[in-house]
Protein backbone atom coordinates (compact mmCIF):
# COMPACT_ATOMS: atom_id res chain seq x y z
CA MET A 1 3.25 -11.52 -1.79
CA LEU A 2 4.76 -9.58 -4.58
CA ASN A 3 0.79 -7.99 -5.45
CA GLU A 4 1.03 -7.48 -1.59
CA LEU A 5 4.27 -5.49 -1.29
CA LEU A 6 3.71 -3.70 -4.16
CA PHE A 7 0.11 -2.55 -2.65
CA ARG A 8 1.53 -1.51 0.36
CA PHE A 9 4.55 0.45 -0.95
CA ALA A 10 1.81 2.32 -3.21
CA SER A 11 -0.66 2.59 -0.28
CA TRP A 12 2.46 4.30 1.93
CA LEU A 13 3.24 6.32 -0.93
CA ASP A 14 -0.29 7.51 -1.50
CA THR A 15 -0.61 9.31 2.45
CA PHE A 16 1.88 11.39 0.57
CA GLN A 17 0.53 15.16 0.79
CA SER A 18 2.53 16.10 -2.08
CA SER A 19 1.15 13.26 -3.65
CA THR A 20 -2.38 14.29 -3.40
CA ASP A 21 -1.28 17.65 -4.57
CA LEU A 22 -0.11 16.77 -7.55
CA HIS A 23 -2.66 14.70 -8.98
CA GLU A 24 -5.35 17.44 -7.86
CA ALA A 25 -3.49 20.53 -8.93
CA LEU A 26 -5.22 22.78 -11.37
CA TYR A 27 -2.48 22.82 -14.22
CA MET A 28 0.52 20.53 -12.80
CA TYR A 29 -0.22 17.07 -13.27
CA SER A 30 -1.15 18.39 -17.23
CA TRP A 31 2.28 19.98 -17.39
CA VAL A 32 3.78 17.10 -15.77
CA GLU A 33 1.87 14.65 -18.14
CA SER A 34 2.70 16.74 -21.12
CA ALA A 35 6.45 16.96 -20.16
CA HIS A 36 5.75 13.27 -20.40
CA VAL A 37 4.62 13.13 -23.52
CA LEU A 38 6.79 15.82 -25.87
CA THR A 39 10.00 14.22 -23.94
CA LEU A 40 8.93 11.11 -24.68
CA MET A 41 8.36 12.52 -28.93
CA LEU A 42 11.65 13.56 -28.73
CA PHE A 43 13.20 10.18 -27.40
CA LEU A 44 11.40 7.86 -29.62
CA GLY A 45 11.63 10.41 -32.34
CA MET A 46 15.46 10.42 -31.96
CA LEU A 47 15.68 6.80 -31.39
CA LEU A 48 13.37 5.65 -34.77
CA VAL A 49 16.28 7.78 -37.03
CA ILE A 50 19.22 5.45 -34.99
CA ASP A 51 17.38 1.91 -35.44
CA LEU A 52 15.86 3.07 -38.88
CA ARG A 53 19.75 3.31 -40.13
CA LEU A 54 20.48 0.27 -37.37
CA LEU A 55 17.90 -1.48 -40.27
CA GLY A 56 19.78 -0.16 -43.28
CA VAL A 57 16.44 0.75 -44.32
CA ALA A 58 17.57 4.55 -44.36
CA PHE A 59 20.30 6.95 -44.13
CA LYS A 60 22.39 4.50 -45.42
CA ASN A 61 24.75 6.61 -47.39
CA ILE A 62 25.61 8.50 -43.49
CA PRO A 63 27.86 6.57 -41.22
CA ALA A 64 25.91 4.36 -37.93
CA SER A 65 28.56 6.27 -35.88
CA LYS A 66 28.37 9.57 -37.01
CA ILE A 67 23.94 9.54 -36.73
CA VAL A 68 24.56 7.77 -33.00
CA GLU A 69 26.84 9.95 -31.74
CA ARG A 70 24.83 13.21 -33.08
CA LEU A 71 21.60 11.67 -31.55
CA ASP A 72 22.81 10.60 -28.63
CA LYS A 73 22.09 13.51 -25.71
CA PRO A 74 19.30 15.00 -27.26
CA MET A 75 17.90 11.62 -26.88
CA MET A 76 19.13 10.85 -23.26
CA ILE A 77 17.91 14.28 -22.42
CA GLY A 78 14.21 13.02 -23.81
CA PHE A 79 14.76 10.18 -21.88
CA ILE A 80 15.77 11.69 -18.93
CA VAL A 81 13.03 13.94 -19.17
CA MET A 82 10.68 10.70 -19.60
CA VAL A 83 11.45 9.07 -16.28
CA ILE A 84 11.28 11.57 -13.96
CA SER A 85 8.35 12.98 -15.13
CA GLY A 86 7.04 9.34 -15.50
CA ALA A 87 8.03 8.51 -12.10
CA LEU A 88 6.14 11.65 -10.75
CA LEU A 89 2.79 10.44 -13.06
CA PHE A 90 3.35 7.29 -11.22
CA TYR A 91 3.95 9.42 -7.61
CA ALA A 92 0.38 11.01 -8.33
CA ILE A 93 -1.95 7.92 -8.26
CA PRO A 94 0.32 5.49 -7.30
CA VAL A 95 -2.33 2.96 -6.67
CA ARG A 96 -4.39 3.33 -9.14
CA SER A 97 -1.14 2.81 -11.09
CA THR A 98 0.18 0.23 -8.94
CA GLN A 99 -3.35 -1.73 -9.50
CA SER A 100 -3.37 -1.37 -13.53
CA ILE A 101 -2.76 -4.56 -15.69
CA TRP A 102 -1.02 -2.15 -18.20
CA PHE A 103 1.38 -0.31 -15.68
CA ARG A 104 2.40 -3.48 -14.73
CA ILE A 105 3.13 -4.74 -18.82
CA LYS A 106 4.76 -1.66 -19.25
CA VAL A 107 6.80 -1.31 -16.57
CA VAL A 108 7.87 -4.99 -18.35
CA LEU A 109 8.38 -4.28 -21.28
CA LEU A 110 10.65 -1.02 -20.93
CA ILE A 111 12.50 -3.00 -18.42
CA ALA A 112 12.90 -5.56 -21.79
CA ALA A 113 13.96 -2.33 -24.20
CA GLY A 114 16.09 -1.06 -21.68
CA VAL A 115 18.23 -4.45 -21.30
CA ASN A 116 18.16 -4.31 -25.65
CA ALA A 117 18.98 -0.90 -25.30
CA PHE A 118 22.38 -1.79 -23.51
CA LEU A 119 22.33 -4.38 -25.46
CA ILE A 120 22.70 -2.22 -28.74
CA ARG A 121 24.57 0.54 -26.94
CA LYS A 122 26.75 -1.99 -25.97
CA MET A 123 27.62 -3.43 -29.82
CA THR A 124 27.52 0.19 -31.96
CA ARG A 125 30.02 1.60 -29.17
CA SER A 126 32.53 -1.61 -29.31
CA SER A 127 35.60 -1.21 -31.74
CA ALA A 128 33.62 -4.03 -34.30
CA MET A 129 31.51 -1.85 -34.75
CA LYS A 130 33.94 0.31 -37.50
CA ALA A 131 33.78 -2.96 -39.44
CA TRP A 132 30.31 -2.43 -40.64
CA ASP A 133 29.77 1.04 -39.52
CA ASN A 134 29.71 2.10 -43.41
CA ASP A 135 27.81 -0.13 -44.57
CA PRO A 136 24.23 0.38 -46.27
CA VAL A 137 23.03 -2.36 -44.00
CA PRO A 138 24.93 -3.98 -40.79
CA PRO A 139 24.77 -7.57 -39.64
CA LYS A 140 22.00 -9.30 -38.96
CA ARG A 141 22.47 -8.96 -34.50
CA ILE A 142 22.37 -5.14 -34.94
CA ARG A 143 19.17 -5.20 -37.04
CA VAL A 144 17.06 -7.59 -34.97
CA GLY A 145 18.24 -5.64 -31.75
CA ALA A 146 16.89 -2.22 -33.87
CA ALA A 147 13.70 -4.13 -34.85
CA LEU A 148 13.55 -5.10 -31.42
CA SER A 149 13.71 -1.80 -30.06
CA LEU A 150 10.84 -0.34 -32.62
CA GLY A 151 8.78 -3.34 -31.65
CA LEU A 152 9.13 -2.78 -27.83
CA TRP A 153 8.85 0.63 -28.09
CA THR A 154 5.51 0.92 -29.72
CA LEU A 155 4.22 -1.57 -26.93
CA VAL A 156 5.39 0.77 -23.73
CA ILE A 157 3.64 2.91 -25.90
CA GLY A 158 0.25 1.07 -26.45
CA ALA A 159 0.52 -0.02 -23.11
CA GLY A 160 0.69 3.33 -21.88
CA ARG A 161 -2.02 4.50 -23.54
CA SER A 162 -4.00 1.93 -22.63
CA MET A 163 -3.11 3.00 -18.45
CA ALA A 164 -6.34 6.12 -19.30
CA TYR A 165 -8.75 3.06 -19.39
CA ASP A 166 -10.69 0.97 -16.87
CA TRP A 167 -11.29 -1.93 -18.65
CA TRP A 168 -10.20 -4.15 -16.11
CA ASP A 169 -9.95 -2.19 -12.66
CA CYS A 170 -10.56 -3.52 -9.74
CA THR A 171 -13.98 -2.10 -8.76
CA LYS A 172 -15.39 -3.97 -11.59
CA GLU A 173 -16.13 -7.85 -11.50
CA LEU A 174 -13.10 -9.97 -12.76
CA PRO A 175 -11.91 -13.23 -12.91
CA TYR A 176 -9.23 -14.34 -9.85
CA PHE A 177 -6.81 -14.38 -12.76
CA MET A 178 -7.11 -10.93 -13.89
CA TYR A 179 -7.26 -9.62 -9.96
CA TRP A 180 -4.06 -11.19 -9.38
CA ALA A 181 -2.60 -9.63 -13.02
CA ALA A 182 -4.08 -6.11 -12.04
CA GLY A 183 -2.71 -6.39 -8.16
CA CYS A 184 -5.70 -5.86 -6.74
CA VAL A 185 -5.04 -7.21 -3.56
CA ASN A 186 -8.22 -6.95 -1.10
CA GLU A 187 -10.78 -7.94 -4.10
CA MET A 188 -8.50 -11.63 -4.01
CA ALA A 189 -8.58 -12.19 -0.39
CA ALA A 190 -12.56 -11.24 -0.93
CA PHE A 191 -12.62 -13.93 -3.90
CA GLU A 192 -10.33 -16.30 -1.75
CA GLN A 193 -12.88 -15.87 1.11
């Protein structure tokens, strides 16, 4: 049922001429994709510095709050532009994206990374942070969150990069489970008959 809803939504988006125009544009699609990758690097560069401090691996002599405070704005700007450009990339190729197992994995990982980021942000903005702000190694729950952050974002990048390949495209002959996992609605229907 979810696969059918997602497929219908993607098919509806695909009917817009602006979606086709963006995908087939000589330069615009490449610019949007470049903006997505560059702001991903900006966002992840800032996040890496913050996470390394929260892991207690680097910048141990700088208070964690100072690093978070100074890098938060550029990191959030990178994140916002990255999300907007990512939404435009999805809009340009909605059906293929929706029927990509890598896109689906990426979305699940993005949600997990977002929840983790929210929890870390909450912990680093609380008054309890003052107790460990200058410690070279933060408490274990902070270190675990920072390690999860690095791991989740590494997996998000891997899944995003894998979207370019057609290992499990709906046009190939696949086991039923892969049709289901990738959201290949038409192929699942044919398989069931």
